[in-house]
Amino acid sequence: MTANDLVTPHGVKVLVCGADGRELSGGDTALDLIGDAMGCHAEVVAVPVDRVADAFFTLRSGVAGDVVQKFANYRIRLVVVGDITARVAASEALRDFVREANRGDQVWFVTDRPELEQRLAPA
């Protein structure tokens, strides 16, 4: 079991997942995190990159699509926190996905919590 924290930067409730715990590897684990978020009324779930399955970053596997769809269905934002520079450099498709995701409001990829907090700040 992992310790999750609920923080509220700029008035937005964020469930910050601990470094230990089940890997985000598909729809079932996404639903577990969504349930945790709903239980504490969080609007955002921040998952450390180390808890995201490698298959998520291989877009043709369908894992990212499955996970993102689950979060979108429940209107909870997903944020992957950590350095994915090497993964993005190795895949043009992933680079495009990350760029487009970061332009939107449903899924973000950030390097650290301060960057997440900056993104949550009012315009």
PDB file of N, CA and C in Angstrom:
ATOM      1  N   MET A   1       0.851  -1.176   0.000  1.00  0.00           N
ATOM      2  CA  MET A   1       0.000   0.000   0.000  1.00  0.00           C
ATOM      3  C   MET A   1       0.895   1.237   0.000  1.00  0.00           C
ATOM      4  N   THR A   2       0.468   2.251  -0.671  1.00  0.00           N
ATOM      5  CA  THR A   2       1.259   3.459  -0.774  1.00  0.00           C
ATOM      6  C   THR A   2       0.549   4.623  -0.112  1.00  0.00           C
ATOM      7  N   ALA A   3       1.328   5.584   0.311  1.00  0.00           N
ATOM      8  CA  ALA A   3       0.761   6.781   0.907  1.00  0.00           C
ATOM      9  C   ALA A   3       0.533   7.820  -0.186  1.00  0.00           C
ATOM     10  N   ASN A   4      -0.687   8.273  -0.286  1.00  0.00           N
ATOM     11  CA  ASN A   4      -1.025   9.344  -1.199  1.00  0.00           C
ATOM     12  C   ASN A   4      -1.281  10.590  -0.380  1.00  0.00           C
ATOM     13  N   ASP A   5      -1.010  11.746  -0.969  1.00  0.00           N
ATOM     14  CA  ASP A   5      -1.250  13.015  -0.292  1.00  0.00           C
ATOM     15  C   ASP A   5      -2.281  13.798  -1.064  1.00  0.00           C
ATOM     16  N   LEU A   6      -3.130  14.511  -0.355  1.00  0.00           N
ATOM     17  CA  LEU A   6      -4.064  15.430  -0.985  1.00  0.00           C
ATOM     18  C   LEU A   6      -3.542  16.834  -0.728  1.00  0.00           C
ATOM     19  N   VAL A   7      -3.238  17.545  -1.794  1.00  0.00           N
ATOM     20  CA  VAL A   7      -2.758  18.918  -1.692  1.00  0.00           C
ATOM     21  C   VAL A   7      -3.712  19.808  -2.484  1.00  0.00           C
ATOM     22  N   THR A   8      -3.686  21.106  -2.184  1.00  0.00           N
ATOM     23  CA  THR A   8      -4.614  22.023  -2.836  1.00  0.00           C
ATOM     24  C   THR A   8      -3.887  23.269  -3.328  1.00  0.00           C
ATOM     25  N   PRO A   9      -3.027  23.133  -4.337  1.00  0.00           N
ATOM     26  CA  PRO A   9      -2.371  24.327  -4.878  1.00  0.00           C
ATOM     27  C   PRO A   9      -3.369  25.152  -5.700  1.00  0.00           C
ATOM     28  N   HIS A  10      -3.419  26.441  -5.426  1.00  0.00           N
ATOM     29  CA  HIS A  10      -4.273  27.367  -6.165  1.00  0.00           C
ATOM     30  C   HIS A  10      -5.743  26.943  -6.134  1.00  0.00           C
ATOM     31  N   GLY A  11      -6.152  26.309  -5.038  1.00  0.00           N
ATOM     32  CA  GLY A  11      -7.542  25.917  -4.867  1.00  0.00           C
ATOM     33  C   GLY A  11      -7.964  24.669  -5.630  1.00  0.00           C
ATOM     34  N   VAL A  12      -7.017  23.957  -6.236  1.00  0.00           N
ATOM     35  CA  VAL A  12      -7.318  22.742  -6.993  1.00  0.00           C
ATOM     36  C   VAL A  12      -6.884  21.533  -6.170  1.00  0.00           C
ATOM     37  N   LYS A  13      -7.815  20.625  -5.902  1.00  0.00           N
ATOM     38  CA  LYS A  13      -7.485  19.433  -5.126  1.00  0.00           C
ATOM     39  C   LYS A  13      -6.757  18.429  -6.011  1.00  0.00           C
ATOM     40  N   VAL A  14      -5.538  18.084  -5.570  1.00  0.00           N
ATOM     41  CA  VAL A  14      -4.683  17.168  -6.321  1.00  0.00           C
ATOM     42  C   VAL A  14      -4.329  15.982  -5.435  1.00  0.00           C
ATOM     43  N   LEU A  15      -4.613  14.785  -5.925  1.00  0.00           N
ATOM     44  CA  LEU A  15      -4.182  13.568  -5.258  1.00  0.00           C
ATOM     45  C   LEU A  15      -2.790  13.249  -5.786  1.00  0.00           C
ATOM     46  N   VAL A  16      -1.789  13.396  -4.929  1.00  0.00           N
ATOM     47  CA  VAL A  16      -0.407  13.126  -5.312  1.00  0.00           C
ATOM     48  C   VAL A  16      -0.089  11.703  -4.872  1.00  0.00           C
ATOM     49  N   CYS A  17       0.110  10.842  -5.843  1.00  0.00           N
ATOM     50  CA  CYS A  17       0.375   9.435  -5.554  1.00  0.00           C
ATOM     51  C   CYS A  17       1.803   9.244  -5.066  1.00  0.00           C
ATOM     52  N   GLY A  18       1.961   8.377  -4.104  1.00  0.00           N
ATOM     53  CA  GLY A  18       3.275   8.067  -3.581  1.00  0.00           C
ATOM     54  C   GLY A  18       4.102   7.278  -4.585  1.00  0.00           C
ATOM     55  N   ALA A  19       5.384   7.178  -4.317  1.00  0.00           N
ATOM     56  CA  ALA A  19       6.303   6.499  -5.231  1.00  0.00           C
ATOM     57  C   ALA A  19       6.075   4.992  -5.281  1.00  0.00           C
ATOM     58  N   ASP A  20       5.533   4.427  -4.228  1.00  0.00           N
ATOM     59  CA  ASP A  20       5.270   2.993  -4.192  1.00  0.00           C
ATOM     60  C   ASP A  20       3.802   2.750  -4.478  1.00  0.00           C
ATOM     61  N   GLY A  21       3.514   1.617  -5.029  1.00  0.00           N
ATOM     62  CA  GLY A  21       2.123   1.277  -5.296  1.00  0.00           C
ATOM     63  C   GLY A  21       1.998   0.598  -6.641  1.00  0.00           C
ATOM     64  N   ARG A  22       0.765   0.229  -6.963  1.00  0.00           N
ATOM     65  CA  ARG A  22       0.512  -0.451  -8.236  1.00  0.00           C
ATOM     66  C   ARG A  22       0.890   0.435  -9.402  1.00  0.00           C
ATOM     67  N   GLU A  23       1.422  -0.209 -10.400  1.00  0.00           N
ATOM     68  CA  GLU A  23       1.813   0.482 -11.619  1.00  0.00           C
ATOM     69  C   GLU A  23       0.560   0.847 -12.413  1.00  0.00           C
ATOM     70  N   LEU A  24       0.543   2.051 -12.960  1.00  0.00           N
ATOM     71  CA  LEU A  24      -0.542   2.478 -13.844  1.00  0.00           C
ATOM     72  C   LEU A  24      -0.331   1.769 -15.172  1.00  0.00           C
ATOM     73  N   SER A  25      -1.082   0.676 -15.366  1.00  0.00           N
ATOM     74  CA  SER A  25      -0.798  -0.204 -16.493  1.00  0.00           C
ATOM     75  C   SER A  25      -2.005  -0.477 -17.377  1.00  0.00           C
ATOM     76  N   GLY A  26      -3.107   0.188 -17.122  1.00  0.00           N
ATOM     77  CA  GLY A  26      -4.294  -0.019 -17.938  1.00  0.00           C
ATOM     78  C   GLY A  26      -5.528   0.528 -17.264  1.00  0.00           C
ATOM     79  N   GLY A  27      -6.666   0.198 -17.849  1.00  0.00           N
ATOM     80  CA  GLY A  27      -7.933   0.717 -17.364  1.00  0.00           C
ATOM     81  C   GLY A  27      -8.256   0.343 -15.932  1.00  0.00           C
ATOM     82  N   ASP A  28      -7.902  -0.880 -15.526  1.00  0.00           N
ATOM     83  CA  ASP A  28      -8.218  -1.314 -14.163  1.00  0.00           C
ATOM     84  C   ASP A  28      -7.461  -0.507 -13.119  1.00  0.00           C
ATOM     85  N   THR A  29      -6.187  -0.279 -13.334  1.00  0.00           N
ATOM     86  CA  THR A  29      -5.421   0.517 -12.367  1.00  0.00           C
ATOM     87  C   THR A  29      -5.804   1.987 -12.456  1.00  0.00           C
ATOM     88  N   ALA A  30      -6.203   2.442 -13.637  1.00  0.00           N
ATOM     89  CA  ALA A  30      -6.699   3.814 -13.766  1.00  0.00           C
ATOM     90  C   ALA A  30      -7.959   3.987 -12.916  1.00  0.00           C
ATOM     91  N   LEU A  31      -8.862   3.003 -12.987  1.00  0.00           N
ATOM     92  CA  LEU A  31     -10.089   3.091 -12.204  1.00  0.00           C
ATOM     93  C   LEU A  31      -9.813   3.075 -10.702  1.00  0.00           C
ATOM     94  N   ASP A  32      -8.787   2.352 -10.274  1.00  0.00           N
ATOM     95  CA  ASP A  32      -8.407   2.374  -8.856  1.00  0.00           C
ATOM     96  C   ASP A  32      -8.004   3.786  -8.433  1.00  0.00           C
ATOM     97  N   LEU A  33      -7.190   4.430  -9.244  1.00  0.00           N
ATOM     98  CA  LEU A  33      -6.756   5.798  -8.924  1.00  0.00           C
ATOM     99  C   LEU A  33      -7.925   6.778  -8.991  1.00  0.00           C
ATOM    100  N   ILE A  34      -8.798   6.592  -9.954  1.00  0.00           N
ATOM    101  CA  ILE A  34      -9.976   7.449 -10.076  1.00  0.00           C
ATOM    102  C   ILE A  34     -10.860   7.303  -8.839  1.00  0.00           C
ATOM    103  N   GLY A  35     -11.028   6.066  -8.372  1.00  0.00           N
ATOM    104  CA  GLY A  35     -11.792   5.834  -7.146  1.00  0.00           C
ATOM    105  C   GLY A  35     -11.169   6.526  -5.949  1.00  0.00           C
ATOM    106  N   ASP A  36      -9.847   6.453  -5.846  1.00  0.00           N
ATOM    107  CA  ASP A  36      -9.151   7.152  -4.760  1.00  0.00           C
ATOM    108  C   ASP A  36      -9.385   8.656  -4.858  1.00  0.00           C
ATOM    109  N   ALA A  37      -9.312   9.181  -6.072  1.00  0.00           N
ATOM    110  CA  ALA A  37      -9.509  10.619  -6.285  1.00  0.00           C
ATOM    111  C   ALA A  37     -10.937  11.030  -5.934  1.00  0.00           C
ATOM    112  N   MET A  38     -11.883  10.245  -6.362  1.00  0.00           N
ATOM    113  CA  MET A  38     -13.282  10.567  -6.075  1.00  0.00           C
ATOM    114  C   MET A  38     -13.555  10.509  -4.573  1.00  0.00           C
ATOM    115  N   GLY A  39     -12.894   9.584  -3.892  1.00  0.00           N
ATOM    116  CA  GLY A  39     -13.078   9.449  -2.451  1.00  0.00           C
ATOM    117  C   GLY A  39     -12.643  10.677  -1.675  1.00  0.00           C
ATOM    118  N   CYS A  40     -11.697  11.425  -2.219  1.00  0.00           N
ATOM    119  CA  CYS A  40     -11.237  12.642  -1.517  1.00  0.00           C
ATOM    120  C   CYS A  40     -11.570  13.904  -2.323  1.00  0.00           C
ATOM    121  N   HIS A  41     -12.447  13.764  -3.312  1.00  0.00           N
ATOM    122  CA  HIS A  41     -12.927  14.882  -4.129  1.00  0.00           C
ATOM    123  C   HIS A  41     -11.810  15.597  -4.875  1.00  0.00           C
ATOM    124  N   ALA A  42     -10.789  14.853  -5.286  1.00  0.00           N
ATOM    125  CA  ALA A  42      -9.679  15.444  -6.041  1.00  0.00           C
ATOM    126  C   ALA A  42     -10.099  15.641  -7.496  1.00  0.00           C
ATOM    127  N   GLU A  43      -9.594  16.705  -8.094  1.00  0.00           N
ATOM    128  CA  GLU A  43      -9.851  17.012  -9.495  1.00  0.00           C
ATOM    129  C   GLU A  43      -8.719  16.530 -10.392  1.00  0.00           C
ATOM    130  N   VAL A  44      -7.558  16.301  -9.773  1.00  0.00           N
ATOM    131  CA  VAL A  44      -6.343  15.939 -10.501  1.00  0.00           C
ATOM    132  C   VAL A  44      -5.677  14.776  -9.776  1.00  0.00           C
ATOM    133  N   VAL A  45      -5.139  13.831 -10.552  1.00  0.00           N
ATOM    134  CA  VAL A  45      -4.320  12.757  -9.996  1.00  0.00           C
ATOM    135  C   VAL A  45      -2.921  12.907 -10.576  1.00  0.00           C
ATOM    136  N   ALA A  46      -1.932  13.063  -9.710  1.00  0.00           N
ATOM    137  CA  ALA A  46      -0.529  13.201 -10.122  1.00  0.00           C
ATOM    138  C   ALA A  46       0.193  11.899  -9.808  1.00  0.00           C
ATOM    139  N   VAL A  47       0.672  11.241 -10.864  1.00  0.00           N
ATOM    140  CA  VAL A  47       1.310   9.931 -10.736  1.00  0.00           C
ATOM    141  C   VAL A  47       2.784  10.061 -11.085  1.00  0.00           C
ATOM    142  N   PRO A  48       3.682   9.590 -10.216  1.00  0.00           N
ATOM    143  CA  PRO A  48       5.104   9.615 -10.561  1.00  0.00           C
ATOM    144  C   PRO A  48       5.378   8.727 -11.770  1.00  0.00           C
ATOM    145  N   VAL A  49       6.260   9.183 -12.637  1.00  0.00           N
ATOM    146  CA  VAL A  49       6.563   8.443 -13.863  1.00  0.00           C
ATOM    147  C   VAL A  49       7.041   7.023 -13.564  1.00  0.00           C
ATOM    148  N   ASP A  50       7.674   6.823 -12.427  1.00  0.00           N
ATOM    149  CA  ASP A  50       8.146   5.476 -12.062  1.00  0.00           C
ATOM    150  C   ASP A  50       7.000   4.504 -11.811  1.00  0.00           C
ATOM    151  N   ARG A  51       5.791   5.009 -11.602  1.00  0.00           N
ATOM    152  CA  ARG A  51       4.619   4.145 -11.398  1.00  0.00           C
ATOM    153  C   ARG A  51       3.802   3.972 -12.667  1.00  0.00           C
ATOM    154  N   VAL A  52       4.307   4.469 -13.789  1.00  0.00           N
ATOM    155  CA  VAL A  52       3.604   4.335 -15.060  1.00  0.00           C
ATOM    156  C   VAL A  52       4.277   3.216 -15.855  1.00  0.00           C
ATOM    157  N   ALA A  53       3.476   2.269 -16.301  1.00  0.00           N
ATOM    158  CA  ALA A  53       4.002   1.111 -17.035  1.00  0.00           C
ATOM    159  C   ALA A  53       4.703   1.549 -18.314  1.00  0.00           C
ATOM    160  N   ASP A  54       5.755   0.817 -18.664  1.00  0.00           N
ATOM    161  CA  ASP A  54       6.471   1.090 -19.914  1.00  0.00           C
ATOM    162  C   ASP A  54       5.531   1.050 -21.115  1.00  0.00           C
ATOM    163  N   ALA A  55       4.558   0.158 -21.087  1.00  0.00           N
ATOM    164  CA  ALA A  55       3.624   0.031 -22.208  1.00  0.00           C
ATOM    165  C   ALA A  55       2.832   1.314 -22.443  1.00  0.00           C
ATOM    166  N   PHE A  56       2.621   2.110 -21.406  1.00  0.00           N
ATOM    167  CA  PHE A  56       1.912   3.384 -21.552  1.00  0.00           C
ATOM    168  C   PHE A  56       2.632   4.272 -22.566  1.00  0.00           C
ATOM    169  N   PHE A  57       3.950   4.233 -22.540  1.00  0.00           N
ATOM    170  CA  PHE A  57       4.758   5.108 -23.394  1.00  0.00           C
ATOM    171  C   PHE A  57       4.967   4.528 -24.796  1.00  0.00           C
ATOM    172  N   THR A  58       4.515   3.303 -25.029  1.00  0.00           N
ATOM    173  CA  THR A  58       4.510   2.700 -26.356  1.00  0.00           C
ATOM    174  C   THR A  58       3.081   2.838 -26.858  1.00  0.00           C
ATOM    175  N   LEU A  59       2.812   3.904 -27.579  1.00  0.00           N
ATOM    176  CA  LEU A  59       1.436   4.273 -27.892  1.00  0.00           C
ATOM    177  C   LEU A  59       0.677   3.181 -28.635  1.00  0.00           C
ATOM    178  N   ARG A  60       1.347   2.423 -29.467  1.00  0.00           N
ATOM    179  CA  ARG A  60       0.644   1.383 -30.228  1.00  0.00           C
ATOM    180  C   ARG A  60       0.111   0.276 -29.323  1.00  0.00           C
ATOM    181  N   SER A  61       0.559   0.205 -28.073  1.00  0.00           N
ATOM    182  CA  SER A  61       0.054  -0.815 -27.145  1.00  0.00           C
ATOM    183  C   SER A  61      -1.395  -0.539 -26.743  1.00  0.00           C
ATOM    184  N   GLY A  62      -1.822   0.697 -26.848  1.00  0.00           N
ATOM    185  CA  GLY A  62      -3.180   1.068 -26.459  1.00  0.00           C
ATOM    186  C   GLY A  62      -3.359   1.380 -24.990  1.00  0.00           C
ATOM    187  N   VAL A  63      -2.329   1.181 -24.190  1.00  0.00           N
ATOM    188  CA  VAL A  63      -2.446   1.422 -22.749  1.00  0.00           C
ATOM    189  C   VAL A  63      -2.715   2.892 -22.464  1.00  0.00           C
ATOM    190  N   ALA A  64      -1.979   3.794 -23.089  1.00  0.00           N
ATOM    191  CA  ALA A  64      -2.183   5.229 -22.848  1.00  0.00           C
ATOM    192  C   ALA A  64      -3.608   5.630 -23.213  1.00  0.00           C
ATOM    193  N   GLY A  65      -4.081   5.160 -24.354  1.00  0.00           N
ATOM    194  CA  GLY A  65      -5.436   5.492 -24.773  1.00  0.00           C
ATOM    195  C   GLY A  65      -6.482   5.004 -23.785  1.00  0.00           C
ATOM    196  N   ASP A  66      -6.313   3.795 -23.290  1.00  0.00           N
ATOM    197  CA  ASP A  66      -7.233   3.217 -22.315  1.00  0.00           C
ATOM    198  C   ASP A  66      -7.234   4.034 -21.027  1.00  0.00           C
ATOM    199  N   VAL A  67      -6.048   4.346 -20.533  1.00  0.00           N
ATOM    200  CA  VAL A  67      -5.926   5.106 -19.288  1.00  0.00           C
ATOM    201  C   VAL A  67      -6.509   6.502 -19.444  1.00  0.00           C
ATOM    202  N   VAL A  68      -6.117   7.189 -20.504  1.00  0.00           N
ATOM    203  CA  VAL A  68      -6.587   8.556 -20.722  1.00  0.00           C
ATOM    204  C   VAL A  68      -8.106   8.579 -20.870  1.00  0.00           C
ATOM    205  N   GLN A  69      -8.661   7.611 -21.574  1.00  0.00           N
ATOM    206  CA  GLN A  69     -10.114   7.560 -21.758  1.00  0.00           C
ATOM    207  C   GLN A  69     -10.839   7.406 -20.429  1.00  0.00           C
ATOM    208  N   LYS A  70     -10.317   6.568 -19.555  1.00  0.00           N
ATOM    209  CA  LYS A  70     -10.942   6.385 -18.239  1.00  0.00           C
ATOM    210  C   LYS A  70     -10.950   7.696 -17.461  1.00  0.00           C
ATOM    211  N   PHE A  71      -9.817   8.387 -17.435  1.00  0.00           N
ATOM    212  CA  PHE A  71      -9.753   9.658 -16.710  1.00  0.00           C
ATOM    213  C   PHE A  71     -10.688  10.686 -17.334  1.00  0.00           C
ATOM    214  N   ALA A  72     -10.746  10.737 -18.648  1.00  0.00           N
ATOM    215  CA  ALA A  72     -11.631  11.686 -19.333  1.00  0.00           C
ATOM    216  C   ALA A  72     -13.101  11.381 -19.024  1.00  0.00           C
ATOM    217  N   ASN A  73     -13.454  10.104 -19.016  1.00  0.00           N
ATOM    218  CA  ASN A  73     -14.839   9.720 -18.728  1.00  0.00           C
ATOM    219  C   ASN A  73     -15.300  10.213 -17.364  1.00  0.00           C
ATOM    220  N   TYR A  74     -14.395  10.202 -16.396  1.00  0.00           N
ATOM    221  CA  TYR A  74     -14.740  10.617 -15.041  1.00  0.00           C
ATOM    222  C   TYR A  74     -14.388  12.085 -14.770  1.00  0.00           C
ATOM    223  N   ARG A  75     -13.908  12.769 -15.788  1.00  0.00           N
ATOM    224  CA  ARG A  75     -13.567  14.203 -15.704  1.00  0.00           C
ATOM    225  C   ARG A  75     -12.580  14.494 -14.586  1.00  0.00           C
ATOM    226  N   ILE A  76     -11.608  13.610 -14.488  1.00  0.00           N
ATOM    227  CA  ILE A  76     -10.506  13.817 -13.553  1.00  0.00           C
ATOM    228  C   ILE A  76      -9.243  13.923 -14.391  1.00  0.00           C
ATOM    229  N   ARG A  77      -8.456  14.939 -14.110  1.00  0.00           N
ATOM    230  CA  ARG A  77      -7.235  15.149 -14.892  1.00  0.00           C
ATOM    231  C   ARG A  77      -6.123  14.233 -14.399  1.00  0.00           C
ATOM    232  N   LEU A  78      -5.316  13.781 -15.343  1.00  0.00           N
ATOM    233  CA  LEU A  78      -4.165  12.936 -15.053  1.00  0.00           C
ATOM    234  C   LEU A  78      -2.893  13.718 -15.339  1.00  0.00           C
ATOM    235  N   VAL A  79      -1.970  13.675 -14.393  1.00  0.00           N
ATOM    236  CA  VAL A  79      -0.667  14.309 -14.585  1.00  0.00           C
ATOM    237  C   VAL A  79       0.407  13.268 -14.300  1.00  0.00           C
ATOM    238  N   VAL A  80       1.291  13.072 -15.267  1.00  0.00           N
ATOM    239  CA  VAL A  80       2.446  12.200 -15.089  1.00  0.00           C
ATOM    240  C   VAL A  80       3.606  13.109 -14.691  1.00  0.00           C
ATOM    241  N   VAL A  81       4.192  12.824 -13.528  1.00  0.00           N
ATOM    242  CA  VAL A  81       5.235  13.690 -12.969  1.00  0.00           C
ATOM    243  C   VAL A  81       6.579  12.979 -13.032  1.00  0.00           C
ATOM    244  N   GLY A  82       7.530  13.591 -13.730  1.00  0.00           N
ATOM    245  CA  GLY A  82       8.874  13.033 -13.806  1.00  0.00           C
ATOM    246  C   GLY A  82       9.488  13.266 -15.168  1.00  0.00           C
ATOM    247  N   ASP A  83      10.711  12.883 -15.287  1.00  0.00           N
ATOM    248  CA  ASP A  83      11.486  13.113 -16.511  1.00  0.00           C
ATOM    249  C   ASP A  83      11.225  12.007 -17.526  1.00  0.00           C
ATOM    250  N   ILE A  84      10.667  12.383 -18.671  1.00  0.00           N
ATOM    251  CA  ILE A  84      10.438  11.422 -19.751  1.00  0.00           C
ATOM    252  C   ILE A  84      11.235  11.817 -20.996  1.00  0.00           C
ATOM    253  N   THR A  85      12.263  12.611 -20.809  1.00  0.00           N
ATOM    254  CA  THR A  85      13.062  13.118 -21.920  1.00  0.00           C
ATOM    255  C   THR A  85      13.568  12.000 -22.826  1.00  0.00           C
ATOM    256  N   ALA A  86      14.140  10.951 -22.267  1.00  0.00           N
ATOM    257  CA  ALA A  86      14.692   9.858 -23.075  1.00  0.00           C
ATOM    258  C   ALA A  86      13.595   9.151 -23.851  1.00  0.00           C
ATOM    259  N   ARG A  87      12.443   8.947 -23.236  1.00  0.00           N
ATOM    260  CA  ARG A  87      11.339   8.270 -23.915  1.00  0.00           C
ATOM    261  C   ARG A  87      10.825   9.104 -25.089  1.00  0.00           C
ATOM    262  N   VAL A  88      10.711  10.407 -24.861  1.00  0.00           N
ATOM    263  CA  VAL A  88      10.225  11.308 -25.905  1.00  0.00           C
ATOM    264  C   VAL A  88      11.228  11.388 -27.055  1.00  0.00           C
ATOM    265  N   ALA A  89      12.502  11.396 -26.727  1.00  0.00           N
ATOM    266  CA  ALA A  89      13.541  11.456 -27.764  1.00  0.00           C
ATOM    267  C   ALA A  89      13.537  10.207 -28.637  1.00  0.00           C
ATOM    268  N   ALA A  90      13.098   9.092 -28.079  1.00  0.00           N
ATOM    269  CA  ALA A  90      13.131   7.821 -28.803  1.00  0.00           C
ATOM    270  C   ALA A  90      11.884   7.562 -29.645  1.00  0.00           C
ATOM    271  N   SER A  91      10.866   8.405 -29.506  1.00  0.00           N
ATOM    272  CA  SER A  91       9.606   8.136 -30.208  1.00  0.00           C
ATOM    273  C   SER A  91       8.955   9.429 -30.683  1.00  0.00           C
ATOM    274  N   GLU A  92       8.877   9.574 -31.983  1.00  0.00           N
ATOM    275  CA  GLU A  92       8.213  10.756 -32.551  1.00  0.00           C
ATOM    276  C   GLU A  92       6.732  10.778 -32.178  1.00  0.00           C
ATOM    277  N   ALA A  93       6.100   9.611 -32.195  1.00  0.00           N
ATOM    278  CA  ALA A  93       4.674   9.534 -31.845  1.00  0.00           C
ATOM    279  C   ALA A  93       4.444   9.970 -30.402  1.00  0.00           C
ATOM    280  N   LEU A  94       5.294   9.515 -29.492  1.00  0.00           N
ATOM    281  CA  LEU A  94       5.165   9.913 -28.090  1.00  0.00           C
ATOM    282  C   LEU A  94       5.418  11.400 -27.937  1.00  0.00           C
ATOM    283  N   ARG A  95       6.424  11.904 -28.636  1.00  0.00           N
ATOM    284  CA  ARG A  95       6.717  13.342 -28.558  1.00  0.00           C
ATOM    285  C   ARG A  95       5.487  14.152 -28.977  1.00  0.00           C
ATOM    286  N   ASP A  96       4.843  13.750 -30.074  1.00  0.00           N
ATOM    287  CA  ASP A  96       3.642  14.450 -30.541  1.00  0.00           C
ATOM    288  C   ASP A  96       2.504  14.336 -29.531  1.00  0.00           C
ATOM    289  N   PHE A  97       2.330  13.141 -28.960  1.00  0.00           N
ATOM    290  CA  PHE A  97       1.286  12.917 -27.967  1.00  0.00           C
ATOM    291  C   PHE A  97       1.488  13.812 -26.746  1.00  0.00           C
ATOM    292  N   VAL A  98       2.710  13.858 -26.244  1.00  0.00           N
ATOM    293  CA  VAL A  98       3.012  14.674 -25.060  1.00  0.00           C
ATOM    294  C   VAL A  98       2.795  16.155 -25.367  1.00  0.00           C
ATOM    295  N   ARG A  99       3.243  16.594 -26.513  1.00  0.00           N
ATOM    296  CA  ARG A  99       3.078  18.004 -26.888  1.00  0.00           C
ATOM    297  C   ARG A  99       1.587  18.366 -26.950  1.00  0.00           C
ATOM    298  N   GLU A 100       0.793  17.532 -27.607  1.00  0.00           N
ATOM    299  CA  GLU A 100      -0.642  17.810 -27.719  1.00  0.00           C
ATOM    300  C   GLU A 100      -1.337  17.715 -26.358  1.00  0.00           C
ATOM    301  N   ALA A 101      -0.969  16.722 -25.567  1.00  0.00           N
ATOM    302  CA  ALA A 101      -1.567  16.581 -24.235  1.00  0.00           C
ATOM    303  C   ALA A 101      -1.295  17.813 -23.386  1.00  0.00           C
ATOM    304  N   ASN A 102      -0.081  18.313 -23.425  1.00  0.00           N
ATOM    305  CA  ASN A 102       0.283  19.473 -22.607  1.00  0.00           C
ATOM    306  C   ASN A 102      -0.374  20.763 -23.087  1.00  0.00           C
ATOM    307  N   ARG A 103      -0.887  20.776 -24.299  1.00  0.00           N
ATOM    308  CA  ARG A 103      -1.648  21.939 -24.788  1.00  0.00           C
ATOM    309  C   ARG A 103      -3.075  21.934 -24.255  1.00  0.00           C
ATOM    310  N   GLY A 104      -3.530  20.763 -23.869  1.00  0.00           N
ATOM    311  CA  GLY A 104      -4.903  20.624 -23.395  1.00  0.00           C
ATOM    312  C   GLY A 104      -5.005  20.749 -21.887  1.00  0.00           C
ATOM    313  N   ASP A 105      -6.098  20.233 -21.371  1.00  0.00           N
ATOM    314  CA  ASP A 105      -6.367  20.360 -19.939  1.00  0.00           C
ATOM    315  C   ASP A 105      -6.651  19.020 -19.270  1.00  0.00           C
ATOM    316  N   GLN A 106      -6.654  17.912 -20.026  1.00  0.00           N
ATOM    317  CA  GLN A 106      -7.023  16.618 -19.461  1.00  0.00           C
ATOM    318  C   GLN A 106      -5.819  15.808 -18.975  1.00  0.00           C
ATOM    319  N   VAL A 107      -4.733  15.815 -19.731  1.00  0.00           N
ATOM    320  CA  VAL A 107      -3.530  15.042 -19.404  1.00  0.00           C
ATOM    321  C   VAL A 107      -2.321  15.945 -19.577  1.00  0.00           C
ATOM    322  N   TRP A 108      -1.471  15.953 -18.561  1.00  0.00           N
ATOM    323  CA  TRP A 108      -0.230  16.729 -18.637  1.00  0.00           C
ATOM    324  C   TRP A 108       0.946  15.837 -18.282  1.00  0.00           C
ATOM    325  N   PHE A 109       2.084  16.204 -18.812  1.00  0.00           N
ATOM    326  CA  PHE A 109       3.360  15.598 -18.462  1.00  0.00           C
ATOM    327  C   PHE A 109       4.229  16.732 -17.941  1.00  0.00           C
ATOM    328  N   VAL A 110       4.612  16.654 -16.675  1.00  0.00           N
ATOM    329  CA  VAL A 110       5.427  17.695 -16.054  1.00  0.00           C
ATOM    330  C   VAL A 110       6.660  17.048 -15.428  1.00  0.00           C
ATOM    331  N   THR A 111       7.706  17.839 -15.256  1.00  0.00           N
ATOM    332  CA  THR A 111       8.941  17.282 -14.706  1.00  0.00           C
ATOM    333  C   THR A 111       8.925  17.157 -13.188  1.00  0.00           C
ATOM    334  N   ASP A 112       8.168  18.030 -12.504  1.00  0.00           N
ATOM    335  CA  ASP A 112       8.167  17.995 -11.046  1.00  0.00           C
ATOM    336  C   ASP A 112       6.914  18.693 -10.496  1.00  0.00           C
ATOM    337  N   ARG A 113       6.749  18.615  -9.187  1.00  0.00           N
ATOM    338  CA  ARG A 113       5.563  19.225  -8.558  1.00  0.00           C
ATOM    339  C   ARG A 113       5.521  20.728  -8.709  1.00  0.00           C
ATOM    340  N   PRO A 114       6.639  21.455  -8.607  1.00  0.00           N
ATOM    341  CA  PRO A 114       6.547  22.901  -8.835  1.00  0.00           C
ATOM    342  C   PRO A 114       5.999  23.244 -10.230  1.00  0.00           C
ATOM    343  N   GLU A 115       6.386  22.464 -11.251  1.00  0.00           N
ATOM    344  CA  GLU A 115       5.844  22.712 -12.586  1.00  0.00           C
ATOM    345  C   GLU A 115       4.337  22.445 -12.611  1.00  0.00           C
ATOM    346  N   LEU A 116       3.898  21.399 -11.925  1.00  0.00           N
ATOM    347  CA  LEU A 116       2.470  21.117 -11.835  1.00  0.00           C
ATOM    348  C   LEU A 116       1.745  22.283 -11.171  1.00  0.00           C
ATOM    349  N   GLU A 117       2.274  22.749 -10.066  1.00  0.00           N
ATOM    350  CA  GLU A 117       1.636  23.857  -9.356  1.00  0.00           C
ATOM    351  C   GLU A 117       1.585  25.112 -10.212  1.00  0.00           C
ATOM    352  N   GLN A 118       2.619  25.351 -10.984  1.00  0.00           N
ATOM    353  CA  GLN A 118       2.645  26.502 -11.893  1.00  0.00           C
ATOM    354  C   GLN A 118       1.545  26.361 -12.947  1.00  0.00           C
ATOM    355  N   ARG A 119       1.365  25.155 -13.478  1.00  0.00           N
ATOM    356  CA  ARG A 119       0.328  24.932 -14.495  1.00  0.00           C
ATOM    357  C   ARG A 119      -1.062  25.112 -13.929  1.00  0.00           C
ATOM    358  N   LEU A 120      -1.227  24.848 -12.637  1.00  0.00           N
ATOM    359  CA  LEU A 120      -2.545  24.984 -12.002  1.00  0.00           C
ATOM    360  C   LEU A 120      -2.867  26.414 -11.606  1.00  0.00           C
ATOM    361  N   ALA A 121      -1.877  27.288 -11.652  1.00  0.00           N
ATOM    362  CA  ALA A 121      -2.087  28.684 -11.249  1.00  0.00           C
ATOM    363  C   ALA A 121      -3.071  29.359 -12.206  1.00  0.00           C
ATOM    364  N   PRO A 122      -3.921  30.221 -11.676  1.00  0.00           N
ATOM    365  CA  PRO A 122      -4.843  30.947 -12.550  1.00  0.00           C
ATOM    366  C   PRO A 122      -4.080  31.783 -13.582  1.00  0.00           C
ATOM    367  N   ALA A 123      -4.675  31.920 -14.746  1.00  0.00           N
ATOM    368  CA  ALA A 123      -4.017  32.677 -15.836  1.00  0.00           C
ATOM    369  C   ALA A 123      -3.889  34.147 -15.521  1.00  0.00           C
TER     370      ALA A 123
END
